[in-house]
Amino acid sequence: MKKILLDTNAYSRLLLGERHVLDATASADIVFMSVFVLGELHAGFQGGRKKKENLEILHRFLSKPPVKILHTSDETAHVFGELKSILKKNGAPVPINDVWIAAHAIETGSRIVTFDRHFATIKGVRLWDYM
């Protein structure tokens, strides 16, 4: 089963019709959206002029059959703690939300669809083929 997790920038590029992201989502059996990605999207919507339109588009996307929202669990917190500790020891700073997103990807065995290269520094993270 092919599982992917969309990062915030990948979702944005999906809406712009980015072919590589469209291909990744079309070929996935499950498309995960982390609550942390949703939080980043909602934060972006707050400052924009198209808040209502963006919310409607997001809700339509989230209602598609292969799309599943990932909530946090004890397992997510455990994986996050391990990743954060390793990154701190290695002196490799990664934005905190991205550590949570990485924890979700590891927990679910998903590939992260992203344009952020710092995910490659996180042990155990699998990135999509485009990266």
Foldseek 3Di string as FASTA:
>chain_A
DAEEEEALVLVVVVVVVPPVSVVSVVPGQAYEYEVLSVVVQLVVLVPDPCNVVSVVVVVVVCPDVRYDYDYDDPQLVVQLVVQVVVCVVVVQDDPSSVSSVQSVCQVVVHAYEDPDPSSVVGPRHHHDPVD
